[in-house]
Amino acid sequence: MIKSSLLILCLIFIAGASSTSRSFQAEQTHGQWLRERYEEATSIKVGMTRADLKKLFYEDGGLQSVPEFRYVLKSSGLIKVDVEFDSPEGMNHRTATDELIHIKSISKPYLEEMFLD
């Protein structure tokens, strides 16, 4: 009777430890994924072009001010940045090609639901 009780307690302990190990691994995997998304979002720098930005981001929906835009990271619909562009002399953000428009400022990445219109 005592042996069977000890055996049951040992099995419960082992199962609990295994479950804790799995949740720790899942947490590490999630943390790694989040770090990769953050590095992806912060890889865009001032001076890069709008074409560079569009490789990783797309324009957010909803109403936006011009020429500042909200962009959403393609690999995560919750991570956004606010970007202000510098257009070439004599052109505006709509007439110039993406390769000619440079990033004047970019915010730190932040979390927000996507806007749909």
PDB file of N, CA and C in Angstrom:
ATOM      1  N   MET A   1       0.829  -1.189   0.000  1.00  0.00           N
ATOM      2  CA  MET A   1       0.000   0.000   0.000  1.00  0.00           C
ATOM      3  C   MET A   1       0.873   1.252   0.000  1.00  0.00           C
ATOM      4  N   ILE A   2       1.878   1.281   0.865  1.00  0.00           N
ATOM      5  CA  ILE A   2       2.768   2.446   0.939  1.00  0.00           C
ATOM      6  C   ILE A   2       3.562   2.568  -0.357  1.00  0.00           C
ATOM      7  N   LYS A   3       4.005   1.416  -0.907  1.00  0.00           N
ATOM      8  CA  LYS A   3       4.773   1.428  -2.151  1.00  0.00           C
ATOM      9  C   LYS A   3       3.934   1.978  -3.302  1.00  0.00           C
ATOM     10  N   SER A   4       2.684   1.556  -3.360  1.00  0.00           N
ATOM     11  CA  SER A   4       1.823   2.037  -4.447  1.00  0.00           C
ATOM     12  C   SER A   4       1.534   3.528  -4.294  1.00  0.00           C
ATOM     13  N   SER A   5       1.387   3.993  -3.054  1.00  0.00           N
ATOM     14  CA  SER A   5       1.171   5.420  -2.809  1.00  0.00           C
ATOM     15  C   SER A   5       2.399   6.223  -3.224  1.00  0.00           C
ATOM     16  N   LEU A   6       3.588   5.702  -2.889  1.00  0.00           N
ATOM     17  CA  LEU A   6       4.823   6.381  -3.285  1.00  0.00           C
ATOM     18  C   LEU A   6       4.975   6.397  -4.804  1.00  0.00           C
ATOM     19  N   LEU A   7       4.611   5.301  -5.426  1.00  0.00           N
ATOM     20  CA  LEU A   7       4.686   5.222  -6.880  1.00  0.00           C
ATOM     21  C   LEU A   7       3.754   6.252  -7.527  1.00  0.00           C
ATOM     22  N   ILE A   8       2.557   6.369  -7.003  1.00  0.00           N
ATOM     23  CA  ILE A   8       1.591   7.350  -7.530  1.00  0.00           C
ATOM     24  C   ILE A   8       2.111   8.768  -7.336  1.00  0.00           C
ATOM     25  N   LEU A   9       2.657   9.059  -6.160  1.00  0.00           N
ATOM     26  CA  LEU A   9       3.220  10.388  -5.902  1.00  0.00           C
ATOM     27  C   LEU A   9       4.385  10.688  -6.839  1.00  0.00           C
ATOM     28  N   CYS A  10       5.229   9.713  -7.080  1.00  0.00           N
ATOM     29  CA  CYS A  10       6.362   9.897  -7.998  1.00  0.00           C
ATOM     30  C   CYS A  10       5.861  10.177  -9.411  1.00  0.00           C
ATOM     31  N   LEU A  11       4.839   9.438  -9.849  1.00  0.00           N
ATOM     32  CA  LEU A  11       4.294   9.652 -11.184  1.00  0.00           C
ATOM     33  C   LEU A  11       3.664  11.040 -11.316  1.00  0.00           C
ATOM     34  N   ILE A  12       2.976  11.470 -10.280  1.00  0.00           N
ATOM     35  CA  ILE A  12       2.376  12.811 -10.285  1.00  0.00           C
ATOM     36  C   ILE A  12       3.475  13.874 -10.353  1.00  0.00           C
ATOM     37  N   PHE A  13       4.543  13.682  -9.583  1.00  0.00           N
ATOM     38  CA  PHE A  13       5.660  14.627  -9.586  1.00  0.00           C
ATOM     39  C   PHE A  13       6.316  14.692 -10.961  1.00  0.00           C
ATOM     40  N   ILE A  14       6.553  13.540 -11.561  1.00  0.00           N
ATOM     41  CA  ILE A  14       7.189  13.475 -12.881  1.00  0.00           C
ATOM     42  C   ILE A  14       6.289  14.122 -13.940  1.00  0.00           C
ATOM     43  N   ALA A  15       4.995  13.855 -13.884  1.00  0.00           N
ATOM     44  CA  ALA A  15       4.059  14.446 -14.847  1.00  0.00           C
ATOM     45  C   ALA A  15       4.024  15.965 -14.685  1.00  0.00           C
ATOM     46  N   GLY A  16       4.028  16.445 -13.451  1.00  0.00           N
ATOM     47  CA  GLY A  16       4.041  17.887 -13.198  1.00  0.00           C
ATOM     48  C   GLY A  16       5.317  18.539 -13.694  1.00  0.00           C
ATOM     49  N   ALA A  17       6.442  17.894 -13.460  1.00  0.00           N
ATOM     50  CA  ALA A  17       7.727  18.425 -13.927  1.00  0.00           C
ATOM     51  C   ALA A  17       7.773  18.460 -15.446  1.00  0.00           C
ATOM     52  N   SER A  18       7.237  17.431 -16.078  1.00  0.00           N
ATOM     53  CA  SER A  18       7.205  17.374 -17.542  1.00  0.00           C
ATOM     54  C   SER A  18       6.328  18.488 -18.097  1.00  0.00           C
ATOM     55  N   SER A  19       5.193  18.716 -17.472  1.00  0.00           N
ATOM     56  CA  SER A  19       4.284  19.774 -17.903  1.00  0.00           C
ATOM     57  C   SER A  19       4.940  21.143 -17.738  1.00  0.00           C
ATOM     58  N   THR A  20       5.631  21.361 -16.627  1.00  0.00           N
ATOM     59  CA  THR A  20       6.329  22.618 -16.382  1.00  0.00           C
ATOM     60  C   THR A  20       7.414  22.828 -17.425  1.00  0.00           C
ATOM     61  N   SER A  21       8.123  21.773 -17.768  1.00  0.00           N
ATOM     62  CA  SER A  21       9.174  21.842 -18.780  1.00  0.00           C
ATOM     63  C   SER A  21       8.599  22.229 -20.133  1.00  0.00           C
ATOM     64  N   ARG A  22       7.454  21.633 -20.501  1.00  0.00           N
ATOM     65  CA  ARG A  22       6.818  21.954 -21.781  1.00  0.00           C
ATOM     66  C   ARG A  22       6.359  23.400 -21.813  1.00  0.00           C
ATOM     67  N   SER A  23       5.781  23.909 -20.726  1.00  0.00           N
ATOM     68  CA  SER A  23       5.315  25.294 -20.725  1.00  0.00           C
ATOM     69  C   SER A  23       6.494  26.260 -20.754  1.00  0.00           C
ATOM     70  N   PHE A  24       7.599  25.896 -20.121  1.00  0.00           N
ATOM     71  CA  PHE A  24       8.802  26.726 -20.164  1.00  0.00           C
ATOM     72  C   PHE A  24       9.344  26.783 -21.596  1.00  0.00           C
ATOM     73  N   GLN A  25       9.351  25.632 -22.283  1.00  0.00           N
ATOM     74  CA  GLN A  25       9.812  25.595 -23.669  1.00  0.00           C
ATOM     75  C   GLN A  25       8.902  26.418 -24.573  1.00  0.00           C
ATOM     76  N   ALA A  26       7.602  26.338 -24.353  1.00  0.00           N
ATOM     77  CA  ALA A  26       6.652  27.126 -25.144  1.00  0.00           C
ATOM     78  C   ALA A  26       6.875  28.613 -24.909  1.00  0.00           C
ATOM     79  N   GLU A  27       7.144  28.984 -23.662  1.00  0.00           N
ATOM     80  CA  GLU A  27       7.405  30.384 -23.333  1.00  0.00           C
ATOM     81  C   GLU A  27       8.686  30.864 -24.014  1.00  0.00           C
ATOM     82  N   GLN A  28       9.712  30.024 -24.013  1.00  0.00           N
ATOM     83  CA  GLN A  28      10.966  30.375 -24.686  1.00  0.00           C
ATOM     84  C   GLN A  28      10.751  30.526 -26.189  1.00  0.00           C
ATOM     85  N   THR A  29       9.989  29.623 -26.789  1.00  0.00           N
ATOM     86  CA  THR A  29       9.706  29.683 -28.221  1.00  0.00           C
ATOM     87  C   THR A  29       8.949  30.955 -28.560  1.00  0.00           C
ATOM     88  N   HIS A  30       7.954  31.286 -27.745  1.00  0.00           N
ATOM     89  CA  HIS A  30       7.188  32.513 -27.963  1.00  0.00           C
ATOM     90  C   HIS A  30       8.091  33.734 -27.807  1.00  0.00           C
ATOM     91  N   GLY A  31       8.932  33.731 -26.790  1.00  0.00           N
ATOM     92  CA  GLY A  31       9.859  34.844 -26.578  1.00  0.00           C
ATOM     93  C   GLY A  31      10.806  35.019 -27.750  1.00  0.00           C
ATOM     94  N   GLN A  32      11.294  33.919 -28.294  1.00  0.00           N
ATOM     95  CA  GLN A  32      12.190  33.971 -29.455  1.00  0.00           C
ATOM     96  C   GLN A  32      11.461  34.565 -30.660  1.00  0.00           C
ATOM     97  N   TRP A  33      10.227  34.119 -30.892  1.00  0.00           N
ATOM     98  CA  TRP A  33       9.427  34.638 -32.003  1.00  0.00           C
ATOM     99  C   TRP A  33       9.223  36.143 -31.854  1.00  0.00           C
ATOM    100  N   LEU A  34       8.891  36.575 -30.644  1.00  0.00           N
ATOM    101  CA  LEU A  34       8.656  37.993 -30.393  1.00  0.00           C
ATOM    102  C   LEU A  34       9.929  38.809 -30.595  1.00  0.00           C
ATOM    103  N   ARG A  35      11.080  38.296 -30.145  1.00  0.00           N
ATOM    104  CA  ARG A  35      12.364  38.978 -30.370  1.00  0.00           C
ATOM    105  C   ARG A  35      12.647  39.126 -31.861  1.00  0.00           C
ATOM    106  N   GLU A  36      12.379  38.082 -32.625  1.00  0.00           N
ATOM    107  CA  GLU A  36      12.598  38.126 -34.077  1.00  0.00           C
ATOM    108  C   GLU A  36      11.703  39.164 -34.741  1.00  0.00           C
ATOM    109  N   ARG A  37      10.447  39.261 -34.314  1.00  0.00           N
ATOM    110  CA  ARG A  37       9.541  40.268 -34.876  1.00  0.00           C
ATOM    111  C   ARG A  37      10.025  41.679 -34.507  1.00  0.00           C
ATOM    112  N   TYR A  38      10.489  41.874 -33.275  1.00  0.00           N
ATOM    113  CA  TYR A  38      10.985  43.174 -32.840  1.00  0.00           C
ATOM    114  C   TYR A  38      12.215  43.573 -33.658  1.00  0.00           C
ATOM    115  N   GLU A  39      13.138  42.640 -33.852  1.00  0.00           N
ATOM    116  CA  GLU A  39      14.337  42.914 -34.650  1.00  0.00           C
ATOM    117  C   GLU A  39      13.953  43.246 -36.090  1.00  0.00           C
ATOM    118  N   GLU A  40      12.962  42.547 -36.596  1.00  0.00           N
ATOM    119  CA  GLU A  40      12.470  42.811 -37.950  1.00  0.00           C
ATOM    120  C   GLU A  40      11.926  44.241 -38.039  1.00  0.00           C
ATOM    121  N   ALA A  41      11.104  44.620 -37.067  1.00  0.00           N
ATOM    122  CA  ALA A  41      10.482  45.945 -37.069  1.00  0.00           C
ATOM    123  C   ALA A  41      11.511  47.054 -36.881  1.00  0.00           C
ATOM    124  N   THR A  42      12.525  46.824 -36.072  1.00  0.00           N
ATOM    125  CA  THR A  42      13.527  47.870 -35.816  1.00  0.00           C
ATOM    126  C   THR A  42      14.639  47.883 -36.857  1.00  0.00           C
ATOM    127  N   SER A  43      14.582  46.989 -37.840  1.00  0.00           N
ATOM    128  CA  SER A  43      15.614  46.982 -38.880  1.00  0.00           C
ATOM    129  C   SER A  43      15.426  48.136 -39.866  1.00  0.00           C
ATOM    130  N   ILE A  44      14.249  48.730 -39.899  1.00  0.00           N
ATOM    131  CA  ILE A  44      13.989  49.872 -40.772  1.00  0.00           C
ATOM    132  C   ILE A  44      14.485  51.134 -40.072  1.00  0.00           C
ATOM    133  N   LYS A  45      15.314  51.901 -40.777  1.00  0.00           N
ATOM    134  CA  LYS A  45      15.974  53.073 -40.186  1.00  0.00           C
ATOM    135  C   LYS A  45      15.690  54.326 -40.999  1.00  0.00           C
ATOM    136  N   VAL A  46      15.897  55.467 -40.373  1.00  0.00           N
ATOM    137  CA  VAL A  46      15.805  56.762 -41.048  1.00  0.00           C
ATOM    138  C   VAL A  46      16.805  56.766 -42.200  1.00  0.00           C
ATOM    139  N   GLY A  47      16.365  57.294 -43.342  1.00  0.00           N
ATOM    140  CA  GLY A  47      17.216  57.349 -44.522  1.00  0.00           C
ATOM    141  C   GLY A  47      16.937  56.236 -45.515  1.00  0.00           C
ATOM    142  N   MET A  48      16.317  55.150 -45.055  1.00  0.00           N
ATOM    143  CA  MET A  48      15.944  54.064 -45.967  1.00  0.00           C
ATOM    144  C   MET A  48      14.775  54.543 -46.822  1.00  0.00           C
ATOM    145  N   THR A  49      14.460  53.827 -47.868  1.00  0.00           N
ATOM    146  CA  THR A  49      13.388  54.236 -48.766  1.00  0.00           C
ATOM    147  C   THR A  49      12.057  53.603 -48.378  1.00  0.00           C
ATOM    148  N   ARG A  50      11.004  54.159 -48.959  1.00  0.00           N
ATOM    149  CA  ARG A  50       9.681  53.577 -48.742  1.00  0.00           C
ATOM    150  C   ARG A  50       9.619  52.169 -49.339  1.00  0.00           C
ATOM    151  N   ALA A  51      10.387  51.919 -50.404  1.00  0.00           N
ATOM    152  CA  ALA A  51      10.460  50.559 -50.987  1.00  0.00           C
ATOM    153  C   ALA A  51      11.044  49.582 -49.974  1.00  0.00           C
ATOM    154  N   ASP A  52      12.078  50.007 -49.221  1.00  0.00           N
ATOM    155  CA  ASP A  52      12.655  49.157 -48.170  1.00  0.00           C
ATOM    156  C   ASP A  52      11.607  48.855 -47.099  1.00  0.00           C
ATOM    157  N   LEU A  53      10.875  49.880 -46.711  1.00  0.00           N
ATOM    158  CA  LEU A  53       9.841  49.730 -45.685  1.00  0.00           C
ATOM    159  C   LEU A  53       8.767  48.735 -46.126  1.00  0.00           C
ATOM    160  N   LYS A  54       8.357  48.833 -47.383  1.00  0.00           N
ATOM    161  CA  LYS A  54       7.269  47.993 -47.880  1.00  0.00           C
ATOM    162  C   LYS A  54       7.656  46.525 -48.030  1.00  0.00           C
ATOM    163  N   LYS A  55       8.924  46.206 -47.922  1.00  0.00           N
ATOM    164  CA  LYS A  55       9.331  44.803 -47.947  1.00  0.00           C
ATOM    165  C   LYS A  55       8.873  44.088 -46.679  1.00  0.00           C
ATOM    166  N   LEU A  56       8.811  44.833 -45.567  1.00  0.00           N
ATOM    167  CA  LEU A  56       8.445  44.242 -44.272  1.00  0.00           C
ATOM    168  C   LEU A  56       7.097  44.713 -43.735  1.00  0.00           C
ATOM    169  N   PHE A  57       6.615  45.858 -44.205  1.00  0.00           N
ATOM    170  CA  PHE A  57       5.400  46.474 -43.674  1.00  0.00           C
ATOM    171  C   PHE A  57       4.409  46.765 -44.806  1.00  0.00           C
ATOM    172  N   TYR A  58       3.150  46.910 -44.430  1.00  0.00           N
ATOM    173  CA  TYR A  58       2.147  47.424 -45.363  1.00  0.00           C
ATOM    174  C   TYR A  58       1.372  48.517 -44.645  1.00  0.00           C
ATOM    175  N   GLU A  59       0.727  49.401 -45.435  1.00  0.00           N
ATOM    176  CA  GLU A  59      -0.018  50.515 -44.846  1.00  0.00           C
ATOM    177  C   GLU A  59      -1.193  49.997 -44.040  1.00  0.00           C
ATOM    178  N   ASP A  60      -1.398  50.621 -42.884  1.00  0.00           N
ATOM    179  CA  ASP A  60      -2.541  50.290 -42.038  1.00  0.00           C
ATOM    180  C   ASP A  60      -3.792  50.899 -42.656  1.00  0.00           C
ATOM    181  N   GLY A  61      -4.943  50.343 -42.351  1.00  0.00           N
ATOM    182  CA  GLY A  61      -6.207  50.878 -42.841  1.00  0.00           C
ATOM    183  C   GLY A  61      -6.662  52.062 -42.010  1.00  0.00           C
ATOM    184  N   GLY A  62      -7.858  52.511 -42.241  1.00  0.00           N
ATOM    185  CA  GLY A  62      -8.430  53.623 -41.488  1.00  0.00           C
ATOM    186  C   GLY A  62      -7.951  54.965 -41.982  1.00  0.00           C
ATOM    187  N   LEU A  63      -8.413  56.014 -41.333  1.00  0.00           N
ATOM    188  CA  LEU A  63      -8.013  57.374 -41.695  1.00  0.00           C
ATOM    189  C   LEU A  63      -6.596  57.636 -41.201  1.00  0.00           C
ATOM    190  N   GLN A  64      -5.811  58.292 -42.072  1.00  0.00           N
ATOM    191  CA  GLN A  64      -4.435  58.612 -41.709  1.00  0.00           C
ATOM    192  C   GLN A  64      -4.112  60.024 -42.173  1.00  0.00           C
ATOM    193  N   SER A  65      -3.191  60.655 -41.453  1.00  0.00           N
ATOM    194  CA  SER A  65      -2.760  61.988 -41.858  1.00  0.00           C
ATOM    195  C   SER A  65      -1.713  61.863 -42.963  1.00  0.00           C
ATOM    196  N   VAL A  66      -1.571  62.915 -43.741  1.00  0.00           N
ATOM    197  CA  VAL A  66      -0.609  62.920 -44.841  1.00  0.00           C
ATOM    198  C   VAL A  66       0.467  63.935 -44.490  1.00  0.00           C
ATOM    199  N   PRO A  67       1.733  63.692 -44.658  1.00  0.00           N
ATOM    200  CA  PRO A  67       2.394  62.545 -45.254  1.00  0.00           C
ATOM    201  C   PRO A  67       2.861  61.518 -44.230  1.00  0.00           C
ATOM    202  N   GLU A  68       2.372  61.565 -43.011  1.00  0.00           N
ATOM    203  CA  GLU A  68       2.762  60.564 -42.018  1.00  0.00           C
ATOM    204  C   GLU A  68       1.812  59.381 -42.126  1.00  0.00           C
ATOM    205  N   PHE A  69       2.366  58.186 -42.053  1.00  0.00           N
ATOM    206  CA  PHE A  69       1.559  56.982 -42.227  1.00  0.00           C
ATOM    207  C   PHE A  69       1.834  55.971 -41.131  1.00  0.00           C
ATOM    208  N   ARG A  70       0.816  55.159 -40.861  1.00  0.00           N
ATOM    209  CA  ARG A  70       0.940  54.015 -39.958  1.00  0.00           C
ATOM    210  C   ARG A  70       1.193  52.791 -40.806  1.00  0.00           C
ATOM    211  N   TYR A  71       2.169  52.006 -40.425  1.00  0.00           N
ATOM    212  CA  TYR A  71       2.475  50.774 -41.147  1.00  0.00           C
ATOM    213  C   TYR A  71       2.412  49.595 -40.189  1.00  0.00           C
ATOM    214  N   VAL A  72       1.974  48.449 -40.725  1.00  0.00           N
ATOM    215  CA  VAL A  72       1.802  47.217 -39.956  1.00  0.00           C
ATOM    216  C   VAL A  72       2.832  46.203 -40.430  1.00  0.00           C
ATOM    217  N   LEU A  73       3.498  45.553 -39.484  1.00  0.00           N
ATOM    218  CA  LEU A  73       4.471  44.519 -39.816  1.00  0.00           C
ATOM    219  C   LEU A  73       3.752  43.344 -40.478  1.00  0.00           C
ATOM    220  N   LYS A  74       4.241  42.905 -41.630  1.00  0.00           N
ATOM    221  CA  LYS A  74       3.589  41.827 -42.375  1.00  0.00           C
ATOM    222  C   LYS A  74       3.539  40.525 -41.583  1.00  0.00           C
ATOM    223  N   SER A  75       4.577  40.241 -40.810  1.00  0.00           N
ATOM    224  CA  SER A  75       4.634  38.969 -40.087  1.00  0.00           C
ATOM    225  C   SER A  75       3.872  38.986 -38.768  1.00  0.00           C
ATOM    226  N   SER A  76       3.324  40.139 -38.379  1.00  0.00           N
ATOM    227  CA  SER A  76       2.507  40.233 -37.166  1.00  0.00           C
ATOM    228  C   SER A  76       1.579  41.429 -37.298  1.00  0.00           C
ATOM    229  N   GLY A  77       0.297  41.191 -37.414  1.00  0.00           N
ATOM    230  CA  GLY A  77      -0.674  42.256 -37.605  1.00  0.00           C
ATOM    231  C   GLY A  77      -0.874  43.178 -36.425  1.00  0.00           C
ATOM    232  N   LEU A  78      -0.189  42.948 -35.319  1.00  0.00           N
ATOM    233  CA  LEU A  78      -0.327  43.805 -34.140  1.00  0.00           C
ATOM    234  C   LEU A  78       0.807  44.811 -33.979  1.00  0.00           C
ATOM    235  N   ILE A  79       1.916  44.610 -34.669  1.00  0.00           N
ATOM    236  CA  ILE A  79       3.085  45.475 -34.503  1.00  0.00           C
ATOM    237  C   ILE A  79       3.052  46.562 -35.565  1.00  0.00           C
ATOM    238  N   LYS A  80       3.104  47.815 -35.107  1.00  0.00           N
ATOM    239  CA  LYS A  80       3.004  48.962 -36.006  1.00  0.00           C
ATOM    240  C   LYS A  80       4.140  49.945 -35.764  1.00  0.00           C
ATOM    241  N   VAL A  81       4.360  50.793 -36.765  1.00  0.00           N
ATOM    242  CA  VAL A  81       5.261  51.945 -36.637  1.00  0.00           C
ATOM    243  C   VAL A  81       4.597  53.115 -37.344  1.00  0.00           C
ATOM    244  N   ASP A  82       4.904  54.316 -36.878  1.00  0.00           N
ATOM    245  CA  ASP A  82       4.472  55.539 -37.535  1.00  0.00           C
ATOM    246  C   ASP A  82       5.671  56.078 -38.296  1.00  0.00           C
ATOM    247  N   VAL A  83       5.465  56.406 -39.563  1.00  0.00           N
ATOM    248  CA  VAL A  83       6.562  56.812 -40.430  1.00  0.00           C
ATOM    249  C   VAL A  83       6.252  58.157 -41.065  1.00  0.00           C
ATOM    250  N   GLU A  84       7.257  59.034 -41.094  1.00  0.00           N
ATOM    251  CA  GLU A  84       7.160  60.301 -41.806  1.00  0.00           C
ATOM    252  C   GLU A  84       8.189  60.257 -42.926  1.00  0.00           C
ATOM    253  N   PHE A  85       7.770  60.682 -44.129  1.00  0.00           N
ATOM    254  CA  PHE A  85       8.627  60.594 -45.305  1.00  0.00           C
ATOM    255  C   PHE A  85       9.121  61.969 -45.741  1.00  0.00           C
ATOM    256  N   ASP A  86      10.232  61.947 -46.439  1.00  0.00           N
ATOM    257  CA  ASP A  86      10.820  63.136 -47.033  1.00  0.00           C
ATOM    258  C   ASP A  86      10.798  62.933 -48.540  1.00  0.00           C
ATOM    259  N   SER A  87       9.939  63.681 -49.248  1.00  0.00           N
ATOM    260  CA  SER A  87       9.815  63.530 -50.699  1.00  0.00           C
ATOM    261  C   SER A  87      10.884  64.347 -51.411  1.00  0.00           C
ATOM    262  N   PRO A  88      11.261  63.931 -52.619  1.00  0.00           N
ATOM    263  CA  PRO A  88      12.234  64.690 -53.403  1.00  0.00           C
ATOM    264  C   PRO A  88      11.687  66.083 -53.752  1.00  0.00           C
ATOM    265  N   GLU A  89      12.570  67.009 -54.006  1.00  0.00           N
ATOM    266  CA  GLU A  89      12.210  68.383 -54.368  1.00  0.00           C
ATOM    267  C   GLU A  89      11.249  68.382 -55.559  1.00  0.00           C
ATOM    268  N   GLY A  90      10.134  69.080 -55.432  1.00  0.00           N
ATOM    269  CA  GLY A  90       9.175  69.209 -56.520  1.00  0.00           C
ATOM    270  C   GLY A  90       8.218  68.036 -56.673  1.00  0.00           C
ATOM    271  N   MET A  91       8.301  67.051 -55.815  1.00  0.00           N
ATOM    272  CA  MET A  91       7.400  65.899 -55.878  1.00  0.00           C
ATOM    273  C   MET A  91       6.713  65.730 -54.531  1.00  0.00           C
ATOM    274  N   ASN A  92       5.592  65.028 -54.534  1.00  0.00           N
ATOM    275  CA  ASN A  92       4.946  64.723 -53.257  1.00  0.00           C
ATOM    276  C   ASN A  92       4.925  63.211 -53.053  1.00  0.00           C
ATOM    277  N   HIS A  93       4.392  62.788 -51.923  1.00  0.00           N
ATOM    278  CA  HIS A  93       4.437  61.367 -51.565  1.00  0.00           C
ATOM    279  C   HIS A  93       3.614  60.494 -52.501  1.00  0.00           C
ATOM    280  N   ARG A  94       2.685  61.066 -53.250  1.00  0.00           N
ATOM    281  CA  ARG A  94       1.850  60.279 -54.171  1.00  0.00           C
ATOM    282  C   ARG A  94       2.474  60.176 -55.569  1.00  0.00           C
ATOM    283  N   THR A  95       3.211  61.210 -56.003  1.00  0.00           N
ATOM    284  CA  THR A  95       3.744  61.205 -57.363  1.00  0.00           C
ATOM    285  C   THR A  95       5.141  60.587 -57.454  1.00  0.00           C
ATOM    286  N   ALA A  96       5.895  60.610 -56.375  1.00  0.00           N
ATOM    287  CA  ALA A  96       7.250  60.048 -56.395  1.00  0.00           C
ATOM    288  C   ALA A  96       7.188  58.530 -56.220  1.00  0.00           C
ATOM    289  N   THR A  97       8.125  57.830 -56.834  1.00  0.00           N
ATOM    290  CA  THR A  97       8.177  56.370 -56.679  1.00  0.00           C
ATOM    291  C   THR A  97       8.724  56.018 -55.296  1.00  0.00           C
ATOM    292  N   ASP A  98       8.437  54.815 -54.859  1.00  0.00           N
ATOM    293  CA  ASP A  98       8.867  54.361 -53.531  1.00  0.00           C
ATOM    294  C   ASP A  98      10.384  54.416 -53.350  1.00  0.00           C
ATOM    295  N   GLU A  99      11.139  54.232 -54.433  1.00  0.00           N
ATOM    296  CA  GLU A  99      12.603  54.247 -54.355  1.00  0.00           C
ATOM    297  C   GLU A  99      13.150  55.658 -54.139  1.00  0.00           C
ATOM    298  N   LEU A 100      12.353  56.695 -54.456  1.00  0.00           N
ATOM    299  CA  LEU A 100      12.810  58.082 -54.316  1.00  0.00           C
ATOM    300  C   LEU A 100      12.410  58.713 -52.987  1.00  0.00           C
ATOM    301  N   ILE A 101      11.458  58.118 -52.312  1.00  0.00           N
ATOM    302  CA  ILE A 101      10.958  58.680 -51.050  1.00  0.00           C
ATOM    303  C   ILE A 101      11.718  58.039 -49.897  1.00  0.00           C
ATOM    304  N   HIS A 102      12.314  58.885 -49.066  1.00  0.00           N
ATOM    305  CA  HIS A 102      13.120  58.389 -47.939  1.00  0.00           C
ATOM    306  C   HIS A 102      12.403  58.609 -46.612  1.00  0.00           C
ATOM    307  N   ILE A 103      12.726  57.773 -45.657  1.00  0.00           N
ATOM    308  CA  ILE A 103      12.138  57.863 -44.317  1.00  0.00           C
ATOM    309  C   ILE A 103      12.805  59.016 -43.574  1.00  0.00           C
ATOM    310  N   LYS A 104      11.988  59.950 -43.131  1.00  0.00           N
ATOM    311  CA  LYS A 104      12.463  61.114 -42.371  1.00  0.00           C
ATOM    312  C   LYS A 104      12.489  60.805 -40.878  1.00  0.00           C
ATOM    313  N   SER A 105      11.463  60.091 -40.415  1.00  0.00           N
ATOM    314  CA  SER A 105      11.427  59.644 -39.016  1.00  0.00           C
ATOM    315  C   SER A 105      10.571  58.391 -38.930  1.00  0.00           C
ATOM    316  N   ILE A 106      10.884  57.572 -37.931  1.00  0.00           N
ATOM    317  CA  ILE A 106      10.123  56.342 -37.702  1.00  0.00           C
ATOM    318  C   ILE A 106      10.014  56.130 -36.199  1.00  0.00           C
ATOM    319  N   SER A 107       8.818  55.776 -35.745  1.00  0.00           N
ATOM    320  CA  SER A 107       8.588  55.570 -34.313  1.00  0.00           C
ATOM    321  C   SER A 107       9.146  54.223 -33.874  1.00  0.00           C
ATOM    322  N   LYS A 108       9.193  54.046 -32.579  1.00  0.00           N
ATOM    323  CA  LYS A 108       9.498  52.716 -32.048  1.00  0.00           C
ATOM    324  C   LYS A 108       8.297  51.822 -32.335  1.00  0.00           C
ATOM    325  N   PRO A 109       8.510  50.536 -32.500  1.00  0.00           N
ATOM    326  CA  PRO A 109       7.375  49.633 -32.722  1.00  0.00           C
ATOM    327  C   PRO A 109       6.422  49.644 -31.521  1.00  0.00           C
ATOM    328  N   TYR A 110       5.133  49.554 -31.811  1.00  0.00           N
ATOM    329  CA  TYR A 110       4.133  49.480 -30.746  1.00  0.00           C
ATOM    330  C   TYR A 110       3.051  48.493 -31.143  1.00  0.00           C
ATOM    331  N   LEU A 111       2.273  48.068 -30.173  1.00  0.00           N
ATOM    332  CA  LEU A 111       1.197  47.096 -30.405  1.00  0.00           C
ATOM    333  C   LEU A 111      -0.140  47.797 -30.509  1.00  0.00           C
ATOM    334  N   GLU A 112      -0.905  47.432 -31.533  1.00  0.00           N
ATOM    335  CA  GLU A 112      -2.249  47.984 -31.715  1.00  0.00           C
ATOM    336  C   GLU A 112      -2.986  47.112 -32.729  1.00  0.00           C
ATOM    337  N   GLU A 113      -4.270  46.938 -32.525  1.00  0.00           N
ATOM    338  CA  GLU A 113      -5.095  46.188 -33.491  1.00  0.00           C
ATOM    339  C   GLU A 113      -5.074  46.900 -34.838  1.00  0.00           C
ATOM    340  N   MET A 114      -5.211  46.129 -35.908  1.00  0.00           N
ATOM    341  CA  MET A 114      -5.269  46.702 -37.248  1.00  0.00           C
ATOM    342  C   MET A 114      -6.565  47.478 -37.426  1.00  0.00           C
ATOM    343  N   PHE A 115      -6.499  48.532 -38.253  1.00  0.00           N
ATOM    344  CA  PHE A 115      -7.693  49.280 -38.629  1.00  0.00           C
ATOM    345  C   PHE A 115      -8.147  48.744 -39.974  1.00  0.00           C
ATOM    346  N   LEU A 116      -9.406  48.451 -40.090  1.00  0.00           N
ATOM    347  CA  LEU A 116      -9.948  47.960 -41.337  1.00  0.00           C
ATOM    348  C   LEU A 116     -10.960  48.965 -41.863  1.00  0.00           C
ATOM    349  N   ASP A 117     -10.922  49.209 -43.153  1.00  0.00           N
ATOM    350  CA  ASP A 117     -11.916  50.111 -43.743  1.00  0.00           C
ATOM    351  C   ASP A 117     -12.575  49.481 -44.920  1.00  0.00           C
TER     352      ASP A 117
END
